[in-house]
Amino acid sequence: MTSRISFWSEEQKKIQAKYDLQMTREAVESLLARIKSLESLGRITKKESDQLQKSANDILKRIEKAVK
């Protein structure tokens, strides 16, 4: 895949980065929903849930910062 990307124009790279960021956001939203579900089922504690949610949001912020 890297060889294909090396031939892309800057505009194509920006479009791909936006798409990748959107897919990442959706993955994090899914993960957050799963964490909340586990908490509501009593599989993890509120504290664990909060820590996992914070970590997921931190990762998303780092990725957003890297893409911009």
PDB file of N, CA and C in Angstrom:
ATOM      1  N   MET A   1       0.823  -1.188   0.000  1.00  0.00           N
ATOM      2  CA  MET A   1       0.000   0.000   0.000  1.00  0.00           C
ATOM      3  C   MET A   1       0.868   1.253   0.000  1.00  0.00           C
ATOM      4  N   THR A   2       1.989   1.226   0.638  1.00  0.00           N
ATOM      5  CA  THR A   2       2.838   2.409   0.687  1.00  0.00           C
ATOM      6  C   THR A   2       3.300   2.837  -0.695  1.00  0.00           C
ATOM      7  N   SER A   3       3.575   1.897  -1.563  1.00  0.00           N
ATOM      8  CA  SER A   3       4.020   2.276  -2.904  1.00  0.00           C
ATOM      9  C   SER A   3       2.909   3.007  -3.644  1.00  0.00           C
ATOM     10  N   ARG A   4       1.663   2.576  -3.423  1.00  0.00           N
ATOM     11  CA  ARG A   4       0.543   3.255  -4.069  1.00  0.00           C
ATOM     12  C   ARG A   4       0.405   4.683  -3.527  1.00  0.00           C
ATOM     13  N   ILE A   5       0.535   4.842  -2.240  1.00  0.00           N
ATOM     14  CA  ILE A   5       0.382   6.152  -1.615  1.00  0.00           C
ATOM     15  C   ILE A   5       1.476   7.110  -2.075  1.00  0.00           C
ATOM     16  N   SER A   6       2.667   6.612  -2.325  1.00  0.00           N
ATOM     17  CA  SER A   6       3.760   7.492  -2.719  1.00  0.00           C
ATOM     18  C   SER A   6       3.475   8.194  -4.042  1.00  0.00           C
ATOM     19  N   PHE A   7       2.583   7.642  -4.859  1.00  0.00           N
ATOM     20  CA  PHE A   7       2.242   8.261  -6.132  1.00  0.00           C
ATOM     21  C   PHE A   7       1.022   9.175  -6.037  1.00  0.00           C
ATOM     22  N   TRP A   8       0.412   9.237  -4.885  1.00  0.00           N
ATOM     23  CA  TRP A   8      -0.771  10.060  -4.716  1.00  0.00           C
ATOM     24  C   TRP A   8      -0.391  11.537  -4.690  1.00  0.00           C
ATOM     25  N   SER A   9      -1.320  12.357  -5.146  1.00  0.00           N
ATOM     26  CA  SER A   9      -1.138  13.802  -5.048  1.00  0.00           C
ATOM     27  C   SER A   9      -1.386  14.222  -3.594  1.00  0.00           C
ATOM     28  N   GLU A  10      -1.007  15.425  -3.288  1.00  0.00           N
ATOM     29  CA  GLU A  10      -1.229  15.932  -1.927  1.00  0.00           C
ATOM     30  C   GLU A  10      -2.729  15.960  -1.616  1.00  0.00           C
ATOM     31  N   GLU A  11      -3.535  16.308  -2.599  1.00  0.00           N
ATOM     32  CA  GLU A  11      -4.982  16.359  -2.400  1.00  0.00           C
ATOM     33  C   GLU A  11      -5.527  14.957  -2.081  1.00  0.00           C
ATOM     34  N   GLN A  12      -5.051  13.954  -2.790  1.00  0.00           N
ATOM     35  CA  GLN A  12      -5.482  12.577  -2.528  1.00  0.00           C
ATOM     36  C   GLN A  12      -5.067  12.141  -1.121  1.00  0.00           C
ATOM     37  N   LYS A  13      -3.878  12.536  -0.710  1.00  0.00           N
ATOM     38  CA  LYS A  13      -3.403  12.186   0.634  1.00  0.00           C
ATOM     39  C   LYS A  13      -4.271  12.835   1.706  1.00  0.00           C
ATOM     40  N   LYS A  14      -4.686  14.095   1.470  1.00  0.00           N
ATOM     41  CA  LYS A  14      -5.549  14.786   2.433  1.00  0.00           C
ATOM     42  C   LYS A  14      -6.910  14.110   2.527  1.00  0.00           C
ATOM     43  N   ILE A  15      -7.444  13.725   1.389  1.00  0.00           N
ATOM     44  CA  ILE A  15      -8.737  13.041   1.372  1.00  0.00           C
ATOM     45  C   ILE A  15      -8.643  11.715   2.117  1.00  0.00           C
ATOM     46  N   GLN A  16      -7.578  10.957   1.871  1.00  0.00           N
ATOM     47  CA  GLN A  16      -7.390   9.684   2.557  1.00  0.00           C
ATOM     48  C   GLN A  16      -7.222   9.884   4.058  1.00  0.00           C
ATOM     49  N   ALA A  17      -6.497  10.915   4.452  1.00  0.00           N
ATOM     50  CA  ALA A  17      -6.297  11.196   5.878  1.00  0.00           C
ATOM     51  C   ALA A  17      -7.628  11.523   6.544  1.00  0.00           C
ATOM     52  N   LYS A  18      -8.478  12.308   5.871  1.00  0.00           N
ATOM     53  CA  LYS A  18      -9.794  12.629   6.435  1.00  0.00           C
ATOM     54  C   LYS A  18     -10.643  11.375   6.579  1.00  0.00           C
ATOM     55  N   TYR A  19     -10.591  10.516   5.565  1.00  0.00           N
ATOM     56  CA  TYR A  19     -11.335   9.256   5.616  1.00  0.00           C
ATOM     57  C   TYR A  19     -10.826   8.389   6.773  1.00  0.00           C
ATOM     58  N   ASP A  20      -9.534   8.257   6.890  1.00  0.00           N
ATOM     59  CA  ASP A  20      -8.941   7.449   7.964  1.00  0.00           C
ATOM     60  C   ASP A  20      -9.321   8.007   9.331  1.00  0.00           C
ATOM     61  N   LEU A  21      -9.316   9.332   9.460  1.00  0.00           N
ATOM     62  CA  LEU A  21      -9.686   9.964  10.724  1.00  0.00           C
ATOM     63  C   LEU A  21     -11.151   9.675  11.054  1.00  0.00           C
ATOM     64  N   GLN A  22     -12.023   9.745  10.049  1.00  0.00           N
ATOM     65  CA  GLN A  22     -13.436   9.452  10.281  1.00  0.00           C
ATOM     66  C   GLN A  22     -13.621   7.997  10.714  1.00  0.00           C
ATOM     67  N   MET A  23     -12.906   7.090  10.089  1.00  0.00           N
ATOM     68  CA  MET A  23     -12.995   5.674  10.469  1.00  0.00           C
ATOM     69  C   MET A  23     -12.487   5.474  11.896  1.00  0.00           C
ATOM     70  N   THR A  24     -11.453   6.204  12.269  1.00  0.00           N
ATOM     71  CA  THR A  24     -10.918   6.116  13.622  1.00  0.00           C
ATOM     72  C   THR A  24     -11.927   6.643  14.631  1.00  0.00           C
ATOM     73  N   ARG A  25     -12.572   7.765  14.302  1.00  0.00           N
ATOM     74  CA  ARG A  25     -13.602   8.311  15.198  1.00  0.00           C
ATOM     75  C   ARG A  25     -14.717   7.294  15.420  1.00  0.00           C
ATOM     76  N   GLU A  26     -15.153   6.668  14.332  1.00  0.00           N
ATOM     77  CA  GLU A  26     -16.220   5.680  14.451  1.00  0.00           C
ATOM     78  C   GLU A  26     -15.780   4.480  15.292  1.00  0.00           C
ATOM     79  N   ALA A  27     -14.545   4.076  15.138  1.00  0.00           N
ATOM     80  CA  ALA A  27     -14.023   2.960  15.935  1.00  0.00           C
ATOM     81  C   ALA A  27     -13.975   3.332  17.413  1.00  0.00           C
ATOM     82  N   VAL A  28     -13.550   4.557  17.718  1.00  0.00           N
ATOM     83  CA  VAL A  28     -13.489   4.997  19.109  1.00  0.00           C
ATOM     84  C   VAL A  28     -14.901   5.108  19.688  1.00  0.00           C
ATOM     85  N   GLU A  29     -15.855   5.606  18.904  1.00  0.00           N
ATOM     86  CA  GLU A  29     -17.241   5.683  19.374  1.00  0.00           C
ATOM     87  C   GLU A  29     -17.780   4.288  19.696  1.00  0.00           C
ATOM     88  N   SER A  30     -17.456   3.330  18.859  1.00  0.00           N
ATOM     89  CA  SER A  30     -17.870   1.946  19.089  1.00  0.00           C
ATOM     90  C   SER A  30     -17.222   1.397  20.364  1.00  0.00           C
ATOM     91  N   LEU A  31     -15.950   1.694  20.528  1.00  0.00           N
ATOM     92  CA  LEU A  31     -15.232   1.256  21.725  1.00  0.00           C
ATOM     93  C   LEU A  31     -15.833   1.880  22.983  1.00  0.00           C
ATOM     94  N   LEU A  32     -16.153   3.170  22.928  1.00  0.00           N
ATOM     95  CA  LEU A  32     -16.755   3.837  24.083  1.00  0.00           C
ATOM     96  C   LEU A  32     -18.109   3.214  24.428  1.00  0.00           C
ATOM     97  N   ALA A  33     -18.886   2.885  23.407  1.00  0.00           N
ATOM     98  CA  ALA A  33     -20.178   2.245  23.648  1.00  0.00           C
ATOM     99  C   ALA A  33     -19.985   0.874  24.314  1.00  0.00           C
ATOM    100  N   ARG A  34     -18.985   0.142  23.866  1.00  0.00           N
ATOM    101  CA  ARG A  34     -18.700  -1.178  24.443  1.00  0.00           C
ATOM    102  C   ARG A  34     -18.255  -1.039  25.902  1.00  0.00           C
ATOM    103  N   ILE A  35     -17.438  -0.052  26.174  1.00  0.00           N
ATOM    104  CA  ILE A  35     -16.985   0.184  27.555  1.00  0.00           C
ATOM    105  C   ILE A  35     -18.179   0.484  28.447  1.00  0.00           C
ATOM    106  N   LYS A  36     -19.074   1.352  27.997  1.00  0.00           N
ATOM    107  CA  LYS A  36     -20.263   1.700  28.788  1.00  0.00           C
ATOM    108  C   LYS A  36     -21.158   0.483  28.992  1.00  0.00           C
ATOM    109  N   SER A  37     -21.247  -0.347  27.965  1.00  0.00           N
ATOM    110  CA  SER A  37     -22.037  -1.566  28.071  1.00  0.00           C
ATOM    111  C   SER A  37     -21.453  -2.500  29.129  1.00  0.00           C
ATOM    112  N   LEU A  38     -20.145  -2.674  29.097  1.00  0.00           N
ATOM    113  CA  LEU A  38     -19.488  -3.538  30.091  1.00  0.00           C
ATOM    114  C   LEU A  38     -19.701  -3.005  31.505  1.00  0.00           C
ATOM    115  N   GLU A  39     -19.659  -1.679  31.638  1.00  0.00           N
ATOM    116  CA  GLU A  39     -19.887  -1.086  32.957  1.00  0.00           C
ATOM    117  C   GLU A  39     -21.329  -1.347  33.410  1.00  0.00           C
ATOM    118  N   SER A  40     -22.280  -1.159  32.513  1.00  0.00           N
ATOM    119  CA  SER A  40     -23.687  -1.351  32.892  1.00  0.00           C
ATOM    120  C   SER A  40     -23.991  -2.816  33.217  1.00  0.00           C
ATOM    121  N   LEU A  41     -23.245  -3.733  32.624  1.00  0.00           N
ATOM    122  CA  LEU A  41     -23.418  -5.157  32.923  1.00  0.00           C
ATOM    123  C   LEU A  41     -22.681  -5.573  34.200  1.00  0.00           C
ATOM    124  N   GLY A  42     -21.893  -4.667  34.751  1.00  0.00           N
ATOM    125  CA  GLY A  42     -21.154  -4.967  35.963  1.00  0.00           C
ATOM    126  C   GLY A  42     -19.864  -5.729  35.725  1.00  0.00           C
ATOM    127  N   ARG A  43     -19.426  -5.781  34.475  1.00  0.00           N
ATOM    128  CA  ARG A  43     -18.187  -6.505  34.144  1.00  0.00           C
ATOM    129  C   ARG A  43     -16.943  -5.696  34.491  1.00  0.00           C
ATOM    130  N   ILE A  44     -17.094  -4.366  34.468  1.00  0.00           N
ATOM    131  CA  ILE A  44     -15.992  -3.482  34.876  1.00  0.00           C
ATOM    132  C   ILE A  44     -16.565  -2.419  35.812  1.00  0.00           C
ATOM    133  N   THR A  45     -15.691  -1.872  36.636  1.00  0.00           N
ATOM    134  CA  THR A  45     -16.135  -0.857  37.592  1.00  0.00           C
ATOM    135  C   THR A  45     -16.232   0.509  36.918  1.00  0.00           C
ATOM    136  N   LYS A  46     -16.864   1.432  37.601  1.00  0.00           N
ATOM    137  CA  LYS A  46     -16.986   2.809  37.113  1.00  0.00           C
ATOM    138  C   LYS A  46     -15.597   3.414  36.921  1.00  0.00           C
ATOM    139  N   LYS A  47     -14.711   3.133  37.870  1.00  0.00           N
ATOM    140  CA  LYS A  47     -13.348   3.662  37.777  1.00  0.00           C
ATOM    141  C   LYS A  47     -12.640   3.118  36.544  1.00  0.00           C
ATOM    142  N   GLU A  48     -12.746   1.809  36.311  1.00  0.00           N
ATOM    143  CA  GLU A  48     -12.134   1.201  35.123  1.00  0.00           C
ATOM    144  C   GLU A  48     -12.740   1.783  33.851  1.00  0.00           C
ATOM    145  N   SER A  49     -14.045   1.956  33.858  1.00  0.00           N
ATOM    146  CA  SER A  49     -14.745   2.526  32.709  1.00  0.00           C
ATOM    147  C   SER A  49     -14.230   3.935  32.417  1.00  0.00           C
ATOM    148  N   ASP A  50     -14.130   4.740  33.441  1.00  0.00           N
ATOM    149  CA  ASP A  50     -13.637   6.114  33.270  1.00  0.00           C
ATOM    150  C   ASP A  50     -12.214   6.129  32.708  1.00  0.00           C
ATOM    151  N   GLN A  51     -11.357   5.249  33.242  1.00  0.00           N
ATOM    152  CA  GLN A  51      -9.973   5.178  32.768  1.00  0.00           C
ATOM    153  C   GLN A  51      -9.906   4.762  31.303  1.00  0.00           C
ATOM    154  N   LEU A  52     -10.680   3.752  30.927  1.00  0.00           N
ATOM    155  CA  LEU A  52     -10.694   3.280  29.539  1.00  0.00           C
ATOM    156  C   LEU A  52     -11.235   4.344  28.591  1.00  0.00           C
ATOM    157  N   GLN A  53     -12.287   5.032  29.016  1.00  0.00           N
ATOM    158  CA  GLN A  53     -12.861   6.092  28.184  1.00  0.00           C
ATOM    159  C   GLN A  53     -11.866   7.236  27.997  1.00  0.00           C
ATOM    160  N   LYS A  54     -11.177   7.584  29.070  1.00  0.00           N
ATOM    161  CA  LYS A  54     -10.176   8.652  28.976  1.00  0.00           C
ATOM    162  C   LYS A  54      -9.054   8.242  28.015  1.00  0.00           C
ATOM    163  N   SER A  55      -8.595   7.004  28.127  1.00  0.00           N
ATOM    164  CA  SER A  55      -7.540   6.517  27.236  1.00  0.00           C
ATOM    165  C   SER A  55      -7.985   6.537  25.773  1.00  0.00           C
ATOM    166  N   ALA A  56      -9.193   6.075  25.517  1.00  0.00           N
ATOM    167  CA  ALA A  56      -9.703   6.062  24.143  1.00  0.00           C
ATOM    168  C   ALA A  56      -9.794   7.476  23.580  1.00  0.00           C
ATOM    169  N   ASN A  57     -10.281   8.399  24.384  1.00  0.00           N
ATOM    170  CA  ASN A  57     -10.386   9.791  23.926  1.00  0.00           C
ATOM    171  C   ASN A  57      -9.015  10.427  23.732  1.00  0.00           C
ATOM    172  N   ASP A  58      -8.070  10.092  24.594  1.00  0.00           N
ATOM    173  CA  ASP A  58      -6.699  10.601  24.447  1.00  0.00           C
ATOM    174  C   ASP A  58      -6.067  10.115  23.144  1.00  0.00           C
ATOM    175  N   ILE A  59      -6.268   8.860  22.838  1.00  0.00           N
ATOM    176  CA  ILE A  59      -5.727   8.292  21.594  1.00  0.00           C
ATOM    177  C   ILE A  59      -6.319   9.008  20.393  1.00  0.00           C
ATOM    178  N   LEU A  60      -7.633   9.215  20.410  1.00  0.00           N
ATOM    179  CA  LEU A  60      -8.285   9.915  19.305  1.00  0.00           C
ATOM    180  C   LEU A  60      -7.727  11.329  19.148  1.00  0.00           C
ATOM    181  N   LYS A  61      -7.535  12.019  20.250  1.00  0.00           N
ATOM    182  CA  LYS A  61      -6.982  13.385  20.187  1.00  0.00           C
ATOM    183  C   LYS A  61      -5.578  13.388  19.589  1.00  0.00           C
ATOM    184  N   ARG A  62      -4.760  12.412  19.966  1.00  0.00           N
ATOM    185  CA  ARG A  62      -3.402  12.319  19.421  1.00  0.00           C
ATOM    186  C   ARG A  62      -3.434  12.085  17.917  1.00  0.00           C
ATOM    187  N   ILE A  63      -4.342  11.213  17.481  1.00  0.00           N
ATOM    188  CA  ILE A  63      -4.454  10.929  16.052  1.00  0.00           C
ATOM    189  C   ILE A  63      -4.947  12.166  15.308  1.00  0.00           C
ATOM    190  N   GLU A  64      -5.947  12.846  15.860  1.00  0.00           N
ATOM    191  CA  GLU A  64      -6.456  14.063  15.226  1.00  0.00           C
ATOM    192  C   GLU A  64      -5.346  15.111  15.096  1.00  0.00           C
ATOM    193  N   LYS A  65      -4.554  15.237  16.135  1.00  0.00           N
ATOM    194  CA  LYS A  65      -3.448  16.201  16.121  1.00  0.00           C
ATOM    195  C   LYS A  65      -2.413  15.822  15.058  1.00  0.00           C
ATOM    196  N   ALA A  66      -2.129  14.545  14.926  1.00  0.00           N
ATOM    197  CA  ALA A  66      -1.139  14.080  13.952  1.00  0.00           C
ATOM    198  C   ALA A  66      -1.613  14.290  12.517  1.00  0.00           C
ATOM    199  N   VAL A  67      -2.916  14.156  12.304  1.00  0.00           N
ATOM    200  CA  VAL A  67      -3.461  14.294  10.951  1.00  0.00           C
ATOM    201  C   VAL A  67      -3.478  15.752  10.508  1.00  0.00           C
ATOM    202  N   LYS A  68      -3.675  16.656  11.443  1.00  0.00           N
ATOM    203  CA  LYS A  68      -3.775  18.085  11.077  1.00  0.00           C
ATOM    204  C   LYS A  68      -2.456  18.696  10.767  1.00  0.00           C
TER     205      LYS A  68
END
